[in-house]
């Protein structure tokens, strides 16, 4: 799964738990670099539930997420 959780990134432990419970490999994507923004935006509570995070690459981040996920699934055997 590829997810851009928007504002839920910063406080939704329910979303974190749903990602974990789904057992679906998940790549977190953000158009901007959240680590370079306001302190409260720098934290991602869903990041620990994801297999990878891509940020600050605008739309290219989604393409990288597809490639990363495909590579991950090809080596999941």
N, C-alpha and C. Protein backbone atom coordinates (compact mmCIF):
# COMPACT_ATOMS: atom_id res chain seq x y z
N UNK A 1 0.86 -1.16 0.00
CA UNK A 1 0.00 0.00 0.00
C UNK A 1 0.91 1.23 0.00
N UNK A 2 0.50 2.25 -0.69
CA UNK A 2 1.18 3.54 -0.67
C UNK A 2 0.22 4.53 -0.05
N UNK A 3 0.72 5.28 0.95
CA UNK A 3 -0.16 6.18 1.68
C UNK A 3 0.48 7.55 1.87
N UNK A 4 -0.31 8.57 1.62
CA UNK A 4 0.01 9.92 2.02
C UNK A 4 -1.09 10.29 3.00
N UNK A 5 -0.77 10.25 4.27
CA UNK A 5 -1.79 10.41 5.31
C UNK A 5 -2.09 11.87 5.65
N UNK A 6 -1.42 12.80 4.98
CA UNK A 6 -1.68 14.21 5.24
C UNK A 6 -1.53 14.52 6.72
N UNK A 7 -2.44 15.29 7.28
CA UNK A 7 -2.36 15.70 8.68
C UNK A 7 -2.48 14.50 9.64
N UNK A 8 -3.08 13.41 9.20
CA UNK A 8 -3.18 12.23 10.07
C UNK A 8 -1.81 11.65 10.40
N UNK A 9 -0.83 11.96 9.57
CA UNK A 9 0.55 11.50 9.79
C UNK A 9 1.04 11.85 11.18
N UNK A 10 0.65 13.01 11.68
CA UNK A 10 1.25 13.57 12.87
C UNK A 10 0.58 13.16 14.18
N UNK A 11 -0.63 12.59 14.10
CA UNK A 11 -1.29 12.29 15.38
C UNK A 11 -2.21 11.06 15.35
N UNK A 12 -2.35 10.39 14.24
CA UNK A 12 -3.32 9.30 14.18
C UNK A 12 -2.71 7.94 14.52
N UNK A 13 -2.70 7.65 15.81
CA UNK A 13 -2.25 6.33 16.23
C UNK A 13 -3.23 5.25 15.77
N UNK A 14 -4.48 5.64 15.55
CA UNK A 14 -5.46 4.68 15.00
C UNK A 14 -5.04 4.26 13.60
N UNK A 15 -4.54 5.19 12.79
CA UNK A 15 -4.05 4.85 11.45
C UNK A 15 -2.81 3.98 11.56
N UNK A 16 -1.92 4.31 12.46
CA UNK A 16 -0.73 3.47 12.71
C UNK A 16 -1.17 2.03 13.00
N UNK A 17 -2.10 1.88 13.92
CA UNK A 17 -2.57 0.55 14.31
C UNK A 17 -3.23 -0.18 13.14
N UNK A 18 -3.98 0.54 12.32
CA UNK A 18 -4.64 -0.07 11.16
C UNK A 18 -3.61 -0.59 10.15
N UNK A 19 -2.55 0.18 9.94
CA UNK A 19 -1.49 -0.27 9.02
C UNK A 19 -0.84 -1.54 9.57
N UNK A 20 -0.50 -1.52 10.85
CA UNK A 20 0.11 -2.70 11.47
C UNK A 20 -0.82 -3.90 11.38
N UNK A 21 -2.08 -3.72 11.75
CA UNK A 21 -3.04 -4.82 11.77
C UNK A 21 -3.34 -5.37 10.38
N UNK A 22 -3.21 -4.53 9.36
CA UNK A 22 -3.50 -4.99 8.00
C UNK A 22 -2.43 -5.96 7.49
N UNK A 23 -1.21 -5.86 8.05
CA UNK A 23 -0.09 -6.69 7.61
C UNK A 23 0.24 -6.49 6.13
N UNK A 24 -0.18 -5.37 5.57
CA UNK A 24 0.11 -5.02 4.18
C UNK A 24 1.35 -4.14 4.18
N UNK A 25 2.39 -4.52 3.44
CA UNK A 25 3.57 -3.66 3.35
C UNK A 25 3.16 -2.26 2.86
N UNK A 26 3.56 -1.24 3.61
CA UNK A 26 3.10 0.11 3.34
C UNK A 26 4.27 1.07 3.21
N UNK A 27 4.22 1.89 2.16
CA UNK A 27 5.21 2.94 1.95
C UNK A 27 4.51 4.27 2.20
N UNK A 28 5.09 5.07 3.08
CA UNK A 28 4.57 6.39 3.42
C UNK A 28 5.20 7.41 2.47
N UNK A 29 4.37 8.26 1.87
CA UNK A 29 4.86 9.27 0.93
C UNK A 29 4.35 10.64 1.35
N UNK A 30 5.24 11.64 1.27
CA UNK A 30 4.86 13.03 1.51
C UNK A 30 5.45 13.88 0.40
N UNK A 31 4.67 14.79 -0.15
CA UNK A 31 5.14 15.66 -1.21
C UNK A 31 6.26 16.57 -0.72
N UNK A 32 6.12 17.07 0.50
CA UNK A 32 7.15 17.94 1.08
C UNK A 32 7.99 17.12 2.07
N UNK A 33 9.10 17.71 2.50
CA UNK A 33 9.93 17.07 3.51
C UNK A 33 9.39 17.48 4.88
N UNK A 34 8.64 16.59 5.51
CA UNK A 34 8.01 16.94 6.78
C UNK A 34 9.05 17.18 7.87
N UNK A 35 10.23 16.62 7.76
CA UNK A 35 11.28 16.80 8.76
C UNK A 35 11.82 18.22 8.74
N UNK A 36 11.60 18.95 7.64
CA UNK A 36 12.10 20.32 7.51
C UNK A 36 11.02 21.36 7.78
N UNK A 37 9.87 20.92 8.25
CA UNK A 37 8.76 21.84 8.51
C UNK A 37 8.65 22.14 10.00
N UNK A 38 7.53 22.67 10.43
CA UNK A 38 7.33 23.01 11.84
C UNK A 38 7.58 21.78 12.72
N UNK A 39 8.02 22.01 13.96
CA UNK A 39 8.34 20.87 14.83
C UNK A 39 7.20 19.85 14.97
N UNK A 40 5.97 20.34 15.06
CA UNK A 40 4.86 19.39 15.23
C UNK A 40 4.60 18.59 13.96
N UNK A 41 5.04 19.09 12.80
CA UNK A 41 4.88 18.34 11.55
C UNK A 41 6.04 17.38 11.29
N UNK A 42 7.13 17.55 12.01
CA UNK A 42 8.31 16.72 11.76
C UNK A 42 8.12 15.28 12.23
N UNK A 43 7.18 15.05 13.12
CA UNK A 43 6.93 13.71 13.66
C UNK A 43 5.90 12.97 12.82
N UNK A 44 6.21 11.73 12.50
CA UNK A 44 5.23 10.85 11.84
C UNK A 44 4.95 9.68 12.76
N UNK A 45 3.73 9.58 13.24
CA UNK A 45 3.39 8.45 14.11
C UNK A 45 3.11 7.18 13.32
N UNK A 46 2.97 7.31 11.99
CA UNK A 46 2.75 6.11 11.18
C UNK A 46 4.05 5.54 10.62
N UNK A 47 5.13 6.33 10.66
CA UNK A 47 6.40 5.87 10.09
C UNK A 47 6.85 4.51 10.63
N UNK A 48 6.76 4.25 11.94
CA UNK A 48 7.20 2.95 12.45
C UNK A 48 6.38 1.77 11.91
N UNK A 49 5.19 2.03 11.43
CA UNK A 49 4.33 0.96 10.89
C UNK A 49 4.61 0.70 9.41
N UNK A 50 5.38 1.57 8.80
CA UNK A 50 5.64 1.48 7.36
C UNK A 50 7.00 0.85 7.08
N UNK A 51 7.14 0.25 5.91
CA UNK A 51 8.42 -0.36 5.54
C UNK A 51 9.39 0.65 4.96
N UNK A 52 8.89 1.82 4.57
CA UNK A 52 9.74 2.84 3.97
C UNK A 52 8.99 4.17 3.96
N UNK A 53 9.74 5.27 4.01
CA UNK A 53 9.16 6.60 3.93
C UNK A 53 9.91 7.40 2.88
N UNK A 54 9.16 8.08 2.03
CA UNK A 54 9.72 8.95 1.00
C UNK A 54 9.10 10.32 1.19
N UNK A 55 9.95 11.35 1.24
CA UNK A 55 9.41 12.69 1.44
C UNK A 55 10.22 13.73 0.67
N UNK A 56 9.53 14.80 0.32
CA UNK A 56 10.20 15.94 -0.30
C UNK A 56 10.49 15.78 -1.78
N UNK A 57 9.89 14.82 -2.43
CA UNK A 57 10.17 14.58 -3.85
C UNK A 57 8.96 14.85 -4.74
N UNK A 58 7.97 15.55 -4.18
CA UNK A 58 6.75 15.88 -4.93
C UNK A 58 6.16 14.61 -5.55
N UNK A 59 5.67 14.71 -6.79
CA UNK A 59 5.04 13.56 -7.44
C UNK A 59 6.02 12.41 -7.69
N UNK A 60 7.28 12.71 -7.87
CA UNK A 60 8.29 11.66 -8.08
C UNK A 60 8.31 10.67 -6.92
N UNK A 61 7.94 11.14 -5.74
CA UNK A 61 7.90 10.27 -4.57
C UNK A 61 6.94 9.10 -4.74
N UNK A 62 5.84 9.34 -5.40
CA UNK A 62 4.88 8.25 -5.64
C UNK A 62 5.46 7.21 -6.59
N UNK A 63 6.16 7.66 -7.62
CA UNK A 63 6.79 6.72 -8.55
C UNK A 63 7.86 5.90 -7.85
N UNK A 64 8.64 6.56 -7.00
CA UNK A 64 9.64 5.83 -6.22
C UNK A 64 8.99 4.83 -5.27
N UNK A 65 7.86 5.20 -4.72
CA UNK A 65 7.15 4.30 -3.81
C UNK A 65 6.69 3.04 -4.54
N UNK A 66 6.19 3.20 -5.75
CA UNK A 66 5.77 2.04 -6.54
C UNK A 66 6.96 1.13 -6.80
N UNK A 67 8.09 1.72 -7.20
CA UNK A 67 9.30 0.93 -7.46
C UNK A 67 9.79 0.23 -6.20
N UNK A 68 9.79 0.94 -5.09
CA UNK A 68 10.25 0.36 -3.83
C UNK A 68 9.36 -0.81 -3.41
N UNK A 69 8.06 -0.60 -3.50
CA UNK A 69 7.12 -1.64 -3.11
C UNK A 69 7.24 -2.85 -4.02
N UNK A 70 7.38 -2.64 -5.31
CA UNK A 70 7.54 -3.75 -6.25
C UNK A 70 8.81 -4.55 -5.92
N UNK A 71 9.90 -3.84 -5.66
CA UNK A 71 11.15 -4.51 -5.31
C UNK A 71 11.00 -5.30 -4.01
N UNK A 72 10.36 -4.69 -3.03
CA UNK A 72 10.13 -5.34 -1.75
C UNK A 72 9.31 -6.63 -1.93
N UNK A 73 8.24 -6.54 -2.70
CA UNK A 73 7.37 -7.70 -2.89
C UNK A 73 8.06 -8.79 -3.71
N UNK A 74 8.93 -8.41 -4.62
CA UNK A 74 9.68 -9.40 -5.41
C UNK A 74 10.69 -10.16 -4.57
N UNK A 75 11.12 -9.58 -3.46
CA UNK A 75 12.10 -10.23 -2.59
C UNK A 75 11.47 -10.74 -1.30
N UNK A 76 10.17 -10.77 -1.23
CA UNK A 76 9.46 -11.19 -0.02
C UNK A 76 9.37 -12.71 0.11
N UNK A 77 9.83 -13.43 -0.88
CA UNK A 77 9.71 -14.89 -0.86
C UNK A 77 10.50 -15.52 0.21
